[in-house]
Amino acid sequence: DAQKCKECGMCAKACPYGAIVHLERPCKKVCPVNAITYNENGLCRIDDSKCIQCGHCIHSCPFGAIGSKTYLVPIIENILAGKEVIAMCAPSIEGQYGDNITMAAVRSTLMKLGFADMVEVGLGGDMTAAYEAEEWTEAYQQGKKMTTSCCPAFVKYIETKYPGMKNRISGNLSPMAELARTIKWAHPHCKIVFIGPCIAKKAEVRRPEVAEYVDYALTFEELQALFDSRDILL
């Protein structure tokens, strides 16, 4: 009843879906670079020039309105075509499926899916750490300070928000790309799939300096979808 309404706003606060008035979107609230805006009609927009592909908005959206690019179909097509598809798993995968699951179990399960092999990316971390230590030592001797290239969201953040500091980012590849480069040297015709928890890796595989080494990136959720499709329990 408009005549009785005191316009206190309690109805808006009580509605969990923001169906009565526009409330602050969860995706906008968590965006660290203010890349998400919405107009007076509530239509949201992501500014690609600001977005660092961190994935916070995807995890925070209660309606699944935002998604990341998926490579599931081309990966399956490559496996069915008999190509050598090698998985590279982030070390965190060992804790994804319970205390009793080892890297050996993950490797054997991935091979049941049709992957030719699996390599743990911790080796790439050792490689990048060694290369960056040498690079940073040289920079320190010159009185300069450097930062890492390991996180694609962080690299994109520096490039977007502080472009004048791009020369402070390590010139080495991330652990994922560093290891993939080594694998490609030994298996030049293989397809490499990175599997990990980070959505930003999907953007990293499209960067020119990485694309020639890593073909696709999957999240743990997408890997579980592959397991479910074959009724495989890890």
C-alpha atoms as a PDB file:
ATOM      1  CA  ASP A   1       0.000   0.000   0.000  1.00  0.00           C
ATOM      2  CA  ALA A   2       1.757   3.134  -1.262  1.00  0.00           C
ATOM      3  CA  GLN A   3      -0.223   5.330   1.166  1.00  0.00           C
ATOM      4  CA  LYS A   4       1.044   3.358   4.174  1.00  0.00           C
ATOM      5  CA  CYS A   5       4.625   2.847   2.940  1.00  0.00           C
ATOM      6  CA  LYS A   6       7.184   4.773   5.014  1.00  0.00           C
ATOM      7  CA  GLU A   7       9.942   4.134   2.440  1.00  0.00           C
ATOM      8  CA  CYS A   8      12.159   2.764   5.195  1.00  0.00           C
ATOM      9  CA  GLY A   9      13.923   0.343   2.842  1.00  0.00           C
ATOM     10  CA  MET A  10      13.423  -2.729   5.026  1.00  0.00           C
ATOM     11  CA  CYS A  11      11.828  -4.629   2.143  1.00  0.00           C
ATOM     12  CA  ALA A  12      14.966  -4.247   0.097  1.00  0.00           C
ATOM     13  CA  LYS A  13      17.175  -5.397   2.974  1.00  0.00           C
ATOM     14  CA  ALA A  14      14.986  -8.435   3.621  1.00  0.00           C
ATOM     15  CA  CYS A  15      14.898  -9.643   0.004  1.00  0.00           C
ATOM     16  CA  PRO A  16      17.927 -11.924  -0.551  1.00  0.00           C
ATOM     17  CA  TYR A  17      17.695 -11.642  -4.340  1.00  0.00           C
ATOM     18  CA  GLY A  18      17.492  -7.880  -4.738  1.00  0.00           C
ATOM     19  CA  ALA A  19      14.160  -8.284  -6.530  1.00  0.00           C
ATOM     20  CA  ILE A  20      12.701  -5.060  -5.204  1.00  0.00           C
ATOM     21  CA  VAL A  21      15.488  -2.520  -5.608  1.00  0.00           C
ATOM     22  CA  HIS A  22      19.026  -2.623  -6.904  1.00  0.00           C
ATOM     23  CA  LEU A  23      21.505  -3.798  -4.294  1.00  0.00           C
ATOM     24  CA  GLU A  24      25.256  -3.947  -4.659  1.00  0.00           C
ATOM     25  CA  ARG A  25      26.151  -6.947  -6.786  1.00  0.00           C
ATOM     26  CA  PRO A  26      28.350  -9.577  -5.105  1.00  0.00           C
ATOM     27  CA  CYS A  27      30.537  -9.661  -8.226  1.00  0.00           C
ATOM     28  CA  LYS A  28      31.089  -5.908  -8.121  1.00  0.00           C
ATOM     29  CA  LYS A  29      31.792  -5.985  -4.395  1.00  0.00           C
ATOM     30  CA  VAL A  30      34.662  -8.472  -4.691  1.00  0.00           C
ATOM     31  CA  CYS A  31      36.270  -7.076  -7.852  1.00  0.00           C
ATOM     32  CA  PRO A  32      39.705  -5.777  -6.776  1.00  0.00           C
ATOM     33  CA  VAL A  33      40.069  -3.407  -9.740  1.00  0.00           C
ATOM     34  CA  ASN A  34      36.520  -1.989 -10.055  1.00  0.00           C
ATOM     35  CA  ALA A  35      36.082  -3.517 -13.492  1.00  0.00           C
ATOM     36  CA  ILE A  36      32.362  -4.222 -12.980  1.00  0.00           C
ATOM     37  CA  THR A  37      29.688  -1.560 -13.256  1.00  0.00           C
ATOM     38  CA  TYR A  38      25.927  -1.585 -13.761  1.00  0.00           C
ATOM     39  CA  ASN A  39      23.505   1.002 -15.081  1.00  0.00           C
ATOM     40  CA  GLU A  40      20.189   2.303 -13.736  1.00  0.00           C
ATOM     41  CA  ASN A  41      18.439  -0.773 -15.148  1.00  0.00           C
ATOM     42  CA  GLY A  42      20.766  -3.140 -13.303  1.00  0.00           C
ATOM     43  CA  LEU A  43      22.578  -4.367 -16.394  1.00  0.00           C
ATOM     44  CA  CYS A  44      26.145  -5.293 -15.504  1.00  0.00           C
ATOM     45  CA  ARG A  45      29.200  -4.745 -17.648  1.00  0.00           C
ATOM     46  CA  ILE A  46      32.799  -5.931 -17.273  1.00  0.00           C
ATOM     47  CA  ASP A  47      35.428  -3.508 -18.532  1.00  0.00           C
ATOM     48  CA  ASP A  48      38.041  -5.698 -20.236  1.00  0.00           C
ATOM     49  CA  SER A  49      40.579  -2.891 -20.094  1.00  0.00           C
ATOM     50  CA  LYS A  50      40.466  -3.080 -16.272  1.00  0.00           C
ATOM     51  CA  CYS A  51      39.798  -6.794 -15.728  1.00  0.00           C
ATOM     52  CA  ILE A  52      42.774  -8.855 -14.509  1.00  0.00           C
ATOM     53  CA  GLN A  53      41.010 -12.234 -14.997  1.00  0.00           C
ATOM     54  CA  CYS A  54      41.355 -13.164 -11.325  1.00  0.00           C
ATOM     55  CA  GLY A  55      38.001 -14.999 -11.258  1.00  0.00           C
ATOM     56  CA  HIS A  56      36.647 -13.504  -8.019  1.00  0.00           C
ATOM     57  CA  CYS A  57      33.444 -12.416  -9.773  1.00  0.00           C
ATOM     58  CA  ILE A  58      32.816 -15.934 -11.072  1.00  0.00           C
ATOM     59  CA  HIS A  59      33.071 -17.464  -7.610  1.00  0.00           C
ATOM     60  CA  SER A  60      30.919 -14.735  -6.043  1.00  0.00           C
ATOM     61  CA  CYS A  61      28.023 -14.660  -8.519  1.00  0.00           C
ATOM     62  CA  PRO A  62      25.078 -16.520  -6.890  1.00  0.00           C
ATOM     63  CA  PHE A  63      23.356 -17.018 -10.248  1.00  0.00           C
ATOM     64  CA  GLY A  64      26.191 -18.379 -12.397  1.00  0.00           C
ATOM     65  CA  ALA A  65      25.828 -15.418 -14.740  1.00  0.00           C
ATOM     66  CA  ILE A  66      29.599 -15.086 -15.227  1.00  0.00           C
ATOM     67  CA  GLY A  67      31.705 -17.912 -16.574  1.00  0.00           C
ATOM     68  CA  SER A  68      35.215 -18.598 -17.781  1.00  0.00           C
ATOM     69  CA  LYS A  69      36.273 -20.024 -21.128  1.00  0.00           C
ATOM     70  CA  THR A  70      36.279 -23.806 -21.109  1.00  0.00           C
ATOM     71  CA  TYR A  71      38.579 -26.029 -23.159  1.00  0.00           C
ATOM     72  CA  LEU A  72      36.868 -29.316 -22.355  1.00  0.00           C
ATOM     73  CA  VAL A  73      35.645 -30.009 -25.899  1.00  0.00           C
ATOM     74  CA  PRO A  74      38.991 -29.529 -27.728  1.00  0.00           C
ATOM     75  CA  ILE A  75      40.775 -31.547 -25.035  1.00  0.00           C
ATOM     76  CA  ILE A  76      38.362 -34.446 -25.485  1.00  0.00           C
ATOM     77  CA  GLU A  77      38.659 -34.157 -29.257  1.00  0.00           C
ATOM     78  CA  ASN A  78      42.453 -34.359 -29.070  1.00  0.00           C
ATOM     79  CA  ILE A  79      42.315 -37.406 -26.811  1.00  0.00           C
ATOM     80  CA  LEU A  80      39.794 -39.173 -29.067  1.00  0.00           C
ATOM     81  CA  ALA A  81      41.979 -38.354 -32.079  1.00  0.00           C
ATOM     82  CA  GLY A  82      44.815 -40.301 -30.472  1.00  0.00           C
ATOM     83  CA  LYS A  83      47.093 -37.323 -29.935  1.00  0.00           C
ATOM     84  CA  GLU A  84      49.663 -37.248 -27.160  1.00  0.00           C
ATOM     85  CA  VAL A  85      47.916 -35.156 -24.505  1.00  0.00           C
ATOM     86  CA  ILE A  86      49.991 -34.542 -21.375  1.00  0.00           C
ATOM     87  CA  ALA A  87      48.499 -33.194 -18.158  1.00  0.00           C
ATOM     88  CA  MET A  88      50.395 -30.849 -15.859  1.00  0.00           C
ATOM     89  CA  CYS A  89      48.859 -30.668 -12.380  1.00  0.00           C
ATOM     90  CA  ALA A  90      49.248 -27.960  -9.778  1.00  0.00           C
ATOM     91  CA  PRO A  91      50.632 -29.380  -6.495  1.00  0.00           C
ATOM     92  CA  SER A  92      47.369 -28.466  -4.752  1.00  0.00           C
ATOM     93  CA  ILE A  93      45.563 -31.250  -6.578  1.00  0.00           C
ATOM     94  CA  GLU A  94      46.920 -33.710  -4.023  1.00  0.00           C
ATOM     95  CA  GLY A  95      44.741 -32.140  -1.331  1.00  0.00           C
ATOM     96  CA  GLN A  96      41.682 -31.842  -3.544  1.00  0.00           C
ATOM     97  CA  TYR A  97      40.450 -35.414  -3.201  1.00  0.00           C
ATOM     98  CA  GLY A  98      41.221 -36.425   0.377  1.00  0.00           C
ATOM     99  CA  ASP A  99      44.136 -37.354   2.613  1.00  0.00           C
ATOM    100  CA  ASN A 100      44.754 -40.746   1.016  1.00  0.00           C
ATOM    101  CA  ILE A 101      45.077 -39.540  -2.584  1.00  0.00           C
ATOM    102  CA  THR A 102      48.646 -39.307  -3.873  1.00  0.00           C
ATOM    103  CA  MET A 103      50.125 -37.865  -7.052  1.00  0.00           C
ATOM    104  CA  ALA A 104      50.592 -41.431  -8.281  1.00  0.00           C
ATOM    105  CA  ALA A 105      46.836 -42.003  -7.902  1.00  0.00           C
ATOM    106  CA  VAL A 106      46.072 -38.783  -9.767  1.00  0.00           C
ATOM    107  CA  ARG A 107      48.440 -39.776 -12.574  1.00  0.00           C
ATOM    108  CA  SER A 108      46.932 -43.246 -13.031  1.00  0.00           C
ATOM    109  CA  THR A 109      43.402 -41.817 -12.992  1.00  0.00           C
ATOM    110  CA  LEU A 110      44.243 -39.195 -15.605  1.00  0.00           C
ATOM    111  CA  MET A 111      45.692 -41.896 -17.814  1.00  0.00           C
ATOM    112  CA  LYS A 112      42.379 -43.752 -17.530  1.00  0.00           C
ATOM    113  CA  LEU A 113      40.808 -40.644 -19.034  1.00  0.00           C
ATOM    114  CA  GLY A 114      43.157 -40.924 -22.009  1.00  0.00           C
ATOM    115  CA  PHE A 115      46.007 -38.607 -21.038  1.00  0.00           C
ATOM    116  CA  ALA A 116      49.395 -39.900 -22.156  1.00  0.00           C
ATOM    117  CA  ASP A 117      51.111 -38.810 -18.949  1.00  0.00           C
ATOM    118  CA  MET A 118      50.945 -36.421 -15.982  1.00  0.00           C
ATOM    119  CA  VAL A 119      53.671 -34.170 -14.582  1.00  0.00           C
ATOM    120  CA  GLU A 120      53.457 -32.231 -11.322  1.00  0.00           C
ATOM    121  CA  VAL A 121      54.121 -28.501 -11.751  1.00  0.00           C
ATOM    122  CA  GLY A 122      56.211 -28.280  -8.573  1.00  0.00           C
ATOM    123  CA  LEU A 123      59.190 -29.038 -10.798  1.00  0.00           C
ATOM    124  CA  GLY A 124      58.376 -25.899 -12.791  1.00  0.00           C
ATOM    125  CA  GLY A 125      58.319 -23.955  -9.527  1.00  0.00           C
ATOM    126  CA  ASP A 126      61.873 -25.047  -8.794  1.00  0.00           C
ATOM    127  CA  MET A 127      62.941 -24.023 -12.289  1.00  0.00           C
ATOM    128  CA  THR A 128      61.354 -20.574 -12.093  1.00  0.00           C
ATOM    129  CA  ALA A 129      62.728 -19.989  -8.597  1.00  0.00           C
ATOM    130  CA  ALA A 130      66.249 -20.766  -9.791  1.00  0.00           C
ATOM    131  CA  TYR A 131      65.968 -18.496 -12.839  1.00  0.00           C
ATOM    132  CA  GLU A 132      64.398 -15.650 -10.890  1.00  0.00           C
ATOM    133  CA  ALA A 133      67.018 -15.890  -8.133  1.00  0.00           C
ATOM    134  CA  GLU A 134      69.739 -15.356 -10.725  1.00  0.00           C
ATOM    135  CA  GLU A 135      67.792 -12.481 -12.300  1.00  0.00           C
ATOM    136  CA  TRP A 136      67.065 -10.809  -8.968  1.00  0.00           C
ATOM    137  CA  THR A 137      70.655 -11.131  -7.806  1.00  0.00           C
ATOM    138  CA  GLU A 138      71.793  -9.252 -10.896  1.00  0.00           C
ATOM    139  CA  ALA A 139      69.097  -6.609 -10.344  1.00  0.00           C
ATOM    140  CA  TYR A 140      70.061  -6.227  -6.681  1.00  0.00           C
ATOM    141  CA  GLN A 141      73.676  -5.636  -7.626  1.00  0.00           C
ATOM    142  CA  GLN A 142      72.436  -2.816  -9.873  1.00  0.00           C
ATOM    143  CA  GLY A 143      70.323  -1.335  -7.083  1.00  0.00           C
ATOM    144  CA  LYS A 144      67.028  -2.421  -8.667  1.00  0.00           C
ATOM    145  CA  LYS A 145      64.042  -4.292  -7.283  1.00  0.00           C
ATOM    146  CA  MET A 146      62.123  -6.968  -9.184  1.00  0.00           C
ATOM    147  CA  THR A 147      58.867  -8.842  -8.704  1.00  0.00           C
ATOM    148  CA  THR A 148      57.721 -12.284  -9.753  1.00  0.00           C
ATOM    149  CA  SER A 149      56.002 -13.381 -12.953  1.00  0.00           C
ATOM    150  CA  CYS A 150      54.393 -16.468 -11.388  1.00  0.00           C
ATOM    151  CA  CYS A 151      50.816 -15.173 -10.983  1.00  0.00           C
ATOM    152  CA  PRO A 152      49.052 -14.129 -14.224  1.00  0.00           C
ATOM    153  CA  ALA A 153      46.457 -12.046 -12.343  1.00  0.00           C
ATOM    154  CA  PHE A 154      49.230 -10.146 -10.559  1.00  0.00           C
ATOM    155  CA  VAL A 155      51.110  -9.595 -13.831  1.00  0.00           C
ATOM    156  CA  LYS A 156      47.921  -8.308 -15.471  1.00  0.00           C
ATOM    157  CA  TYR A 157      47.290  -6.053 -12.464  1.00  0.00           C
ATOM    158  CA  ILE A 158      50.715  -4.419 -12.807  1.00  0.00           C
ATOM    159  CA  GLU A 159      50.306  -4.047 -16.582  1.00  0.00           C
ATOM    160  CA  THR A 160      46.870  -2.470 -16.131  1.00  0.00           C
ATOM    161  CA  LYS A 161      47.229  -0.326 -13.007  1.00  0.00           C
ATOM    162  CA  TYR A 162      50.947   0.436 -12.972  1.00  0.00           C
ATOM    163  CA  PRO A 163      52.215   0.178 -16.567  1.00  0.00           C
ATOM    164  CA  GLY A 164      55.339   2.139 -15.681  1.00  0.00           C
ATOM    165  CA  MET A 165      56.466  -0.758 -13.506  1.00  0.00           C
ATOM    166  CA  LYS A 166      56.181  -3.488 -16.152  1.00  0.00           C
ATOM    167  CA  ASN A 167      59.959  -3.574 -16.452  1.00  0.00           C
ATOM    168  CA  ARG A 168      60.097  -4.657 -12.789  1.00  0.00           C
ATOM    169  CA  ILE A 169      58.291  -7.930 -13.546  1.00  0.00           C
ATOM    170  CA  SER A 170      60.572 -10.923 -13.947  1.00  0.00           C
ATOM    171  CA  GLY A 171      61.308 -11.805 -17.550  1.00  0.00           C
ATOM    172  CA  ASN A 172      61.055 -15.521 -16.743  1.00  0.00           C
ATOM    173  CA  LEU A 173      58.020 -17.648 -17.429  1.00  0.00           C
ATOM    174  CA  SER A 174      55.678 -18.909 -14.718  1.00  0.00           C
ATOM    175  CA  PRO A 175      56.240 -22.425 -13.315  1.00  0.00           C
ATOM    176  CA  MET A 176      53.443 -23.727 -15.541  1.00  0.00           C
ATOM    177  CA  ALA A 177      54.941 -22.310 -18.722  1.00  0.00           C
ATOM    178  CA  GLU A 178      58.539 -23.069 -17.749  1.00  0.00           C
ATOM    179  CA  LEU A 179      57.791 -26.754 -17.259  1.00  0.00           C
ATOM    180  CA  ALA A 180      55.626 -26.878 -20.387  1.00  0.00           C
ATOM    181  CA  ARG A 181      58.499 -25.486 -22.442  1.00  0.00           C
ATOM    182  CA  THR A 182      60.705 -28.345 -21.242  1.00  0.00           C
ATOM    183  CA  ILE A 183      58.042 -30.939 -22.025  1.00  0.00           C
ATOM    184  CA  LYS A 184      57.493 -29.483 -25.493  1.00  0.00           C
ATOM    185  CA  TRP A 185      61.222 -29.747 -26.158  1.00  0.00           C
ATOM    186  CA  ALA A 186      61.063 -33.497 -25.451  1.00  0.00           C
ATOM    187  CA  HIS A 187      57.613 -34.017 -27.029  1.00  0.00           C
ATOM    188  CA  PRO A 188      57.271 -31.351 -29.746  1.00  0.00           C
ATOM    189  CA  HIS A 189      53.969 -32.654 -31.105  1.00  0.00           C
ATOM    190  CA  CYS A 190      52.162 -33.138 -27.802  1.00  0.00           C
ATOM    191  CA  LYS A 191      49.255 -31.120 -26.406  1.00  0.00           C
ATOM    192  CA  ILE A 192      49.705 -29.815 -22.867  1.00  0.00           C
ATOM    193  CA  VAL A 193      46.828 -29.284 -20.449  1.00  0.00           C
ATOM    194  CA  PHE A 194      47.388 -27.426 -17.185  1.00  0.00           C
ATOM    195  CA  ILE A 195      45.056 -28.494 -14.348  1.00  0.00           C
ATOM    196  CA  GLY A 196      44.797 -26.301 -11.273  1.00  0.00           C
ATOM    197  CA  PRO A 197      42.583 -24.154  -9.040  1.00  0.00           C
ATOM    198  CA  CYS A 198      43.311 -20.800 -10.693  1.00  0.00           C
ATOM    199  CA  ILE A 199      40.944 -19.324 -13.289  1.00  0.00           C
ATOM    200  CA  ALA A 200      43.581 -16.740 -14.255  1.00  0.00           C
ATOM    201  CA  LYS A 201      45.607 -19.538 -15.849  1.00  0.00           C
ATOM    202  CA  LYS A 202      43.024 -19.655 -18.642  1.00  0.00           C
ATOM    203  CA  ALA A 203      44.000 -16.119 -19.563  1.00  0.00           C
ATOM    204  CA  GLU A 204      47.703 -16.898 -19.215  1.00  0.00           C
ATOM    205  CA  VAL A 205      47.598 -19.682 -21.815  1.00  0.00           C
ATOM    206  CA  ARG A 206      46.461 -17.067 -24.357  1.00  0.00           C
ATOM    207  CA  ARG A 207      49.449 -14.785 -23.740  1.00  0.00           C
ATOM    208  CA  PRO A 208      51.849 -14.919 -26.734  1.00  0.00           C
ATOM    209  CA  GLU A 209      54.864 -15.898 -24.625  1.00  0.00           C
ATOM    210  CA  VAL A 210      52.934 -18.847 -23.134  1.00  0.00           C
ATOM    211  CA  ALA A 211      50.591 -20.018 -25.905  1.00  0.00           C
ATOM    212  CA  GLU A 212      53.328 -21.862 -27.785  1.00  0.00           C
ATOM    213  CA  TYR A 213      53.971 -24.088 -24.752  1.00  0.00           C
ATOM    214  CA  VAL A 214      50.628 -24.582 -22.960  1.00  0.00           C
ATOM    215  CA  ASP A 215      47.616 -25.456 -25.086  1.00  0.00           C
ATOM    216  CA  TYR A 216      44.762 -25.585 -22.575  1.00  0.00           C
ATOM    217  CA  ALA A 217      43.937 -24.930 -18.908  1.00  0.00           C
ATOM    218  CA  LEU A 218      41.347 -26.682 -16.755  1.00  0.00           C
ATOM    219  CA  THR A 219      40.062 -26.018 -13.255  1.00  0.00           C
ATOM    220  CA  PHE A 220      39.567 -28.779 -10.702  1.00  0.00           C
ATOM    221  CA  GLU A 221      35.793 -28.470 -11.214  1.00  0.00           C
ATOM    222  CA  GLU A 222      36.190 -29.153 -14.927  1.00  0.00           C
ATOM    223  CA  LEU A 223      38.452 -32.107 -14.195  1.00  0.00           C
ATOM    224  CA  GLN A 224      35.749 -33.498 -11.929  1.00  0.00           C
ATOM    225  CA  ALA A 225      33.292 -33.140 -14.810  1.00  0.00           C
ATOM    226  CA  LEU A 226      35.606 -35.325 -16.911  1.00  0.00           C
ATOM    227  CA  PHE A 227      35.758 -37.902 -14.122  1.00  0.00           C
ATOM    228  CA  ASP A 228      31.968 -37.865 -13.779  1.00  0.00           C
ATOM    229  CA  SER A 229      31.514 -38.325 -17.532  1.00  0.00           C
ATOM    230  CA  ARG A 230      33.398 -41.616 -17.302  1.00  0.00           C
ATOM    231  CA  ASP A 231      32.069 -42.648 -13.867  1.00  0.00           C
ATOM    232  CA  ILE A 232      35.619 -42.530 -12.508  1.00  0.00           C
ATOM    233  CA  LEU A 233      36.176 -42.237  -8.766  1.00  0.00           C
ATOM    234  CA  LEU A 234      39.529 -40.960  -7.548  1.00  0.00           C
END
